[in-house]
Amino acid sequence: MKIQVKVHANSSQEKIEIKGRTVFEVWLKEKPTDGKANQKLLLLMKKHFNDRDVKMISGFNGRKKLLEVIGD
């Protein structure tokens, strides 16, 4: 399943907000430097989807990302 994610890096909180079936908005405490925010995003989404594999397809340097959730 492919999902769209809008990321707010360097936030004071960490949370995931579901905007639609495949649309999410995520707030991260990590700064968007050296891929730290991307790594944290993947960890949070993996936890949200019950440890299913999550990989980033596009949006490596932007706020809008396309992720793929792999598995059942």
Protein backbone atom coordinates (compact mmCIF):
# COMPACT_ATOMS: atom_id res chain seq x y z
CA MET A 1 0.00 0.00 0.00
CA LYS A 2 1.32 3.46 -0.88
CA ILE A 3 0.71 6.37 1.45
CA GLN A 4 1.26 10.12 1.22
CA VAL A 5 2.85 11.85 4.19
CA LYS A 6 3.34 15.52 4.97
CA VAL A 7 6.14 15.97 7.51
CA HIS A 8 6.68 18.76 10.03
CA ALA A 9 10.27 18.30 11.20
CA ASN A 10 11.84 20.08 14.19
CA SER A 11 8.48 20.17 16.00
CA SER A 12 7.97 20.32 19.75
CA GLN A 13 5.93 17.11 19.64
CA GLU A 14 5.78 13.78 17.84
CA LYS A 15 2.42 12.66 16.53
CA ILE A 16 0.70 11.07 13.56
CA GLU A 17 -2.58 12.47 12.25
CA ILE A 18 -4.64 10.45 9.78
CA LYS A 19 -6.13 12.72 7.09
CA GLY A 20 -7.55 9.99 4.86
CA ARG A 21 -7.21 6.31 4.04
CA THR A 22 -3.72 6.80 2.59
CA VAL A 23 -2.92 10.37 3.65
CA PHE A 24 -1.06 11.19 6.86
CA GLU A 25 0.45 14.24 8.53
CA VAL A 26 3.37 13.62 10.90
CA TRP A 27 5.14 15.89 13.38
CA LEU A 28 8.73 14.96 14.32
CA LYS A 29 11.14 16.35 16.92
CA GLU A 30 14.12 15.53 14.69
CA LYS A 31 15.73 18.21 12.55
CA PRO A 32 15.74 17.64 8.78
CA THR A 33 19.53 17.30 8.59
CA ASP A 34 21.59 14.29 7.52
CA GLY A 35 18.42 12.25 6.95
CA LYS A 36 17.60 12.11 10.67
CA ALA A 37 13.99 13.19 10.19
CA ASN A 38 13.51 10.62 7.41
CA GLN A 39 14.88 7.83 9.63
CA LYS A 40 12.60 8.84 12.50
CA LEU A 41 9.62 9.05 10.14
CA LEU A 42 10.20 5.49 8.92
CA LEU A 43 10.50 4.24 12.51
CA LEU A 44 7.27 5.95 13.58
CA MET A 45 5.35 4.70 10.55
CA LYS A 46 6.67 1.17 11.06
CA LYS A 47 5.40 1.29 14.64
CA HIS A 48 2.06 2.74 13.48
CA PHE A 49 1.62 -0.14 11.00
CA ASN A 50 2.44 -2.85 13.58
CA ASP A 51 6.08 -3.49 12.58
CA ARG A 52 5.38 -3.89 8.86
CA ASP A 53 8.21 -2.79 6.59
CA VAL A 54 7.97 0.81 5.41
CA LYS A 55 10.19 2.28 2.70
CA MET A 56 10.42 5.73 1.21
CA ILE A 57 9.72 5.95 -2.52
CA SER A 58 9.99 9.70 -3.10
CA GLY A 59 10.31 12.99 -1.25
CA PHE A 60 13.70 12.37 0.33
CA ASN A 61 14.46 16.11 0.50
CA GLY A 62 10.98 17.59 0.76
CA ARG A 63 8.11 17.78 3.23
CA LYS A 64 5.75 15.70 1.10
CA LYS A 65 6.76 12.05 0.89
CA LEU A 66 5.47 8.90 -0.70
CA LEU A 67 5.95 5.77 1.39
CA GLU A 68 5.20 2.14 0.70
CA VAL A 69 3.96 -0.16 3.47
CA ILE A 70 4.99 -3.72 2.66
CA GLY A 71 3.26 -6.79 4.01
CA ASP A 72 -0.20 -8.10 4.70
